[in-house]
Structures are given as C-alpha cells and as structure tokens.
Amino acid sequence: IIGIIYGNELESYQYETYKVELGFNSIDKEGDYYIFSVYAINPYDDIAGFQFNINPTGLFIIDSVYGGRAEENGFVFHYNKNNKNTKGTILGFSMQGNTVEKTTIVSHTNKKKNNILFYIKTKLNDASKESFIKDPDQLLMLDNIVIASKKGQTLSNKFIPYLFSYWM
C-alpha cells in the first residue's frame, strides 16, 4: 500500500506488485505456422524455470518451442501439443542449473523485443477455425503460470494478454 497526500488528507492506493512481466511481443505468420514470441521482464530475480498453459485451450497445436534467452542459457523445453485433449502446457528449465539472468532496464519501446524468453511455433487447430468464424478476435493468454527462482521460490508474475485477429 502506498499513501499519497493531497492537501491534508492521506489517500491509500493498492497497486499490484510482481517480479516478472510476461507477454507476447508478437505473433507472426510463416506459411501455415504462427510464431509466438514470448517476452519476460525480470529485473529482480534470475529465472531458473517456468511452466504455463496457452489459453484458450485448443486454438493452436504446438509444433515446437525454441530460442530466446532461455535457450541461450541452456534451457530445454517440454510441451504437449494443445489439442482438444490437452492444455498446451509448456515447461522450461536447465538440467545444469543455469538461469535466465535478470533483465536490465531498457527503454519502453524496446523492452519486450530485447527480452524474448523463447518462441512457440504453432499451427491453427482445424477444429478451432469455427470459433474464429464466430469471433475473429481472440484474447490469447498464458495461464497457470509458475516462474521459479534459483532458490526454488515462485516468483510473482503478471501476464499481458494479446488480442489475436484471424481472417480467413
């Protein structure tokens, strides 16, 4: 809680605090595939591992997870495909105990682009095309997020949703 004094009155405001900000920097189309670039801003702690689901479930089938600061630091990725029977869970960590170092403060316009954690290569699930006919704009999120520090502590986090527009 912070307090701000206006004249002689103290007003209290609650604000959300978190140690890691996550989001999609971009979603690019390459042929039949969509490449999600996932960024992480973690100025307070190194990241030792992560796990989360893509939501809404079943819109995309995961082909691969690769690259970014996580792969540069020796992380391996495990995932399920995110079809109608799975949740699209993605897990990343280093078997050698490496971490993704704290981000340095960068300018607002480049902070996401310069802090790509990894990429997700996906295909649109044929069964989900019907939901895009009803609504071509879908709010994409990561949920059930767990970000771990080197000490094994869960780092508080916030995910910034991404509005994805699909046109047939």
Protein backbone atom coordinates (compact mmCIF):
# COMPACT_ATOMS: atom_id res chain seq x y z
CA ILE A 1 0.00 0.00 0.00
CA ILE A 2 1.24 3.43 -0.83
CA GLY A 3 -0.03 6.70 0.53
CA ILE A 4 -0.35 9.96 -1.32
CA ILE A 5 -1.03 13.22 0.49
CA TYR A 6 -3.46 15.65 -1.15
CA GLY A 7 -3.60 18.80 0.96
CA ASN A 8 -4.08 17.47 4.48
CA GLU A 9 -5.66 14.14 3.51
CA LEU A 10 -3.85 10.84 3.08
CA GLU A 11 -5.34 8.59 0.41
CA SER A 12 -4.26 4.98 0.24
CA TYR A 13 -3.99 3.08 -3.01
CA GLN A 14 -3.29 -0.58 -3.51
CA TYR A 15 -1.21 -1.49 -6.50
CA GLU A 16 -0.22 -4.79 -7.93
CA THR A 17 3.38 -5.82 -7.45
CA TYR A 18 5.09 -8.61 -9.34
CA LYS A 19 8.63 -9.69 -10.09
CA VAL A 20 8.17 -10.93 -13.68
CA GLU A 21 6.12 -9.47 -16.53
CA LEU A 22 5.30 -11.91 -19.35
CA GLY A 23 3.55 -11.41 -22.66
CA PHE A 24 3.60 -11.99 -26.38
CA ASN A 25 5.83 -9.47 -28.13
CA SER A 26 4.39 -10.50 -31.48
CA ILE A 27 2.64 -13.29 -33.34
CA ASP A 28 3.96 -13.67 -36.87
CA LYS A 29 2.56 -15.85 -39.66
CA GLU A 30 5.03 -18.00 -41.61
CA GLY A 31 3.21 -20.20 -44.13
CA ASP A 32 0.75 -22.38 -42.18
CA TYR A 33 2.51 -21.59 -38.88
CA TYR A 34 2.19 -18.86 -36.29
CA ILE A 35 5.31 -17.91 -34.33
CA PHE A 36 4.59 -16.52 -30.85
CA SER A 37 7.50 -14.56 -29.35
CA VAL A 38 7.19 -14.67 -25.56
CA TYR A 39 9.00 -11.96 -23.61
CA ALA A 40 9.88 -11.83 -19.92
CA ILE A 41 10.91 -8.73 -17.99
CA ASN A 42 12.56 -9.94 -14.77
CA PRO A 43 14.61 -7.11 -13.22
CA TYR A 44 14.62 -8.54 -9.67
CA ASP A 45 15.47 -12.26 -9.91
CA ASP A 46 17.05 -14.76 -12.27
CA ILE A 47 14.62 -17.30 -13.77
CA ALA A 48 15.50 -20.96 -13.12
CA GLY A 49 12.41 -22.49 -14.71
CA PHE A 50 8.87 -21.89 -15.90
CA GLN A 51 5.62 -23.67 -16.63
CA PHE A 52 2.29 -22.46 -18.03
CA ASN A 53 -0.59 -23.22 -20.39
CA ILE A 54 -1.72 -21.46 -23.55
CA ASN A 55 -5.28 -20.20 -23.21
CA PRO A 56 -7.82 -20.57 -24.77
CA THR A 57 -7.11 -24.28 -24.95
CA GLY A 58 -7.28 -25.98 -28.32
CA LEU A 59 -6.95 -22.99 -30.68
CA PHE A 60 -3.37 -23.82 -31.64
CA ILE A 61 -1.34 -27.01 -31.91
CA ILE A 62 2.24 -26.56 -30.67
CA ASP A 63 4.86 -27.70 -33.18
CA SER A 64 7.98 -26.62 -31.27
CA VAL A 65 9.37 -24.32 -28.56
CA TYR A 66 12.83 -22.85 -29.09
CA GLY A 67 15.27 -19.95 -28.91
CA GLY A 68 15.41 -16.74 -26.95
CA ARG A 69 17.16 -16.05 -23.67
CA ALA A 70 16.05 -19.43 -22.28
CA GLU A 71 17.77 -21.48 -25.00
CA GLU A 72 20.85 -19.20 -24.87
CA ASN A 73 21.18 -20.25 -21.22
CA GLY A 74 20.89 -23.99 -21.84
CA PHE A 75 17.20 -24.45 -21.07
CA VAL A 76 15.37 -27.45 -22.50
CA PHE A 77 11.69 -27.24 -23.39
CA HIS A 78 8.94 -29.79 -22.92
CA TYR A 79 5.37 -29.32 -24.14
CA ASN A 80 2.21 -31.08 -25.17
CA LYS A 81 0.56 -30.20 -28.44
CA ASN A 82 -2.52 -28.30 -27.10
CA ASN A 83 -5.21 -30.20 -28.94
CA LYS A 84 -8.73 -30.72 -27.62
CA ASN A 85 -7.50 -33.30 -25.07
CA THR A 86 -4.52 -31.36 -23.69
CA LYS A 87 -3.88 -27.96 -22.13
CA GLY A 88 -0.90 -26.78 -24.17
CA THR A 89 1.45 -26.93 -21.20
CA ILE A 90 4.99 -25.62 -21.77
CA LEU A 91 7.82 -26.32 -19.35
CA GLY A 92 11.38 -24.94 -19.50
CA PHE A 93 14.44 -25.39 -17.28
CA SER A 94 18.19 -26.12 -17.38
CA MET A 95 19.50 -29.54 -16.35
CA GLN A 96 22.84 -27.83 -15.50
CA GLY A 97 21.19 -25.33 -13.13
CA ASN A 98 21.64 -22.36 -15.46
CA THR A 99 19.32 -19.39 -15.14
CA VAL A 100 17.99 -16.61 -17.32
CA GLU A 101 19.66 -13.56 -15.81
CA LYS A 102 17.82 -10.50 -14.59
CA THR A 103 16.88 -8.09 -17.34
CA THR A 104 18.47 -4.71 -17.43
CA ILE A 105 16.18 -1.75 -17.58
CA VAL A 106 15.68 -0.87 -21.23
CA SER A 107 13.64 1.76 -23.00
CA HIS A 108 9.91 1.23 -23.06
CA THR A 109 9.77 0.80 -26.83
CA ASN A 110 12.37 -1.98 -26.90
CA LYS A 111 11.91 -3.73 -23.54
CA LYS A 112 9.77 -6.54 -24.98
CA LYS A 113 11.71 -7.07 -28.21
CA ASN A 114 15.06 -7.18 -26.37
CA ASN A 115 13.87 -9.69 -23.76
CA ILE A 116 12.42 -12.59 -25.76
CA LEU A 117 12.38 -15.60 -23.45
CA PHE A 118 11.54 -18.11 -26.23
CA TYR A 119 9.42 -18.72 -29.32
CA ILE A 120 6.44 -21.04 -29.78
CA LYS A 121 5.82 -22.40 -33.29
CA THR A 122 2.15 -23.34 -33.68
CA LYS A 123 -0.44 -24.26 -36.26
CA LEU A 124 -4.07 -23.28 -36.09
CA ASN A 125 -6.11 -26.25 -34.94
CA ASP A 126 -8.56 -27.09 -37.75
CA ALA A 127 -11.28 -27.74 -35.18
CA SER A 128 -10.85 -24.21 -33.78
CA LYS A 129 -11.48 -22.40 -37.08
CA GLU A 130 -15.20 -22.46 -36.28
CA SER A 131 -14.63 -20.33 -33.17
CA PHE A 132 -12.83 -17.75 -35.35
CA ILE A 133 -15.82 -17.64 -37.71
CA LYS A 134 -17.97 -16.62 -34.73
CA ASP A 135 -15.36 -14.20 -33.42
CA PRO A 136 -12.20 -13.42 -35.47
CA ASP A 137 -10.63 -11.69 -32.44
CA GLN A 138 -9.42 -13.95 -29.63
CA LEU A 139 -7.69 -12.85 -26.43
CA LEU A 140 -4.61 -15.07 -26.06
CA MET A 141 -3.06 -15.62 -22.66
CA LEU A 142 -0.71 -17.79 -20.72
CA ASP A 143 -2.28 -19.10 -17.53
CA ASN A 144 -1.40 -21.33 -14.58
CA ILE A 145 1.98 -19.58 -14.72
CA VAL A 146 4.77 -20.73 -12.43
CA ILE A 147 8.12 -18.92 -12.66
CA ALA A 148 10.82 -20.29 -10.34
CA SER A 149 13.92 -18.60 -8.94
CA LYS A 150 17.25 -20.37 -8.42
CA LYS A 151 16.24 -20.84 -4.76
CA GLY A 152 13.11 -22.69 -5.87
CA GLN A 153 10.78 -19.86 -4.90
CA THR A 154 7.79 -19.00 -7.06
CA LEU A 155 8.20 -15.51 -8.49
CA SER A 156 5.10 -13.34 -8.61
CA ASN A 157 4.18 -12.52 -12.19
CA LYS A 158 1.79 -10.73 -14.45
CA PHE A 159 0.82 -11.73 -17.99
CA ILE A 160 -0.18 -9.06 -20.51
CA PRO A 161 -2.95 -10.50 -22.78
CA TYR A 162 -2.62 -10.32 -26.57
CA LEU A 163 -5.54 -9.71 -28.94
CA PHE A 164 -5.14 -12.07 -31.90
CA SER A 165 -7.17 -11.38 -35.05
CA TYR A 166 -7.76 -14.16 -37.58
CA TRP A 167 -9.22 -13.58 -41.00
CA MET A 168 -9.98 -16.43 -43.39
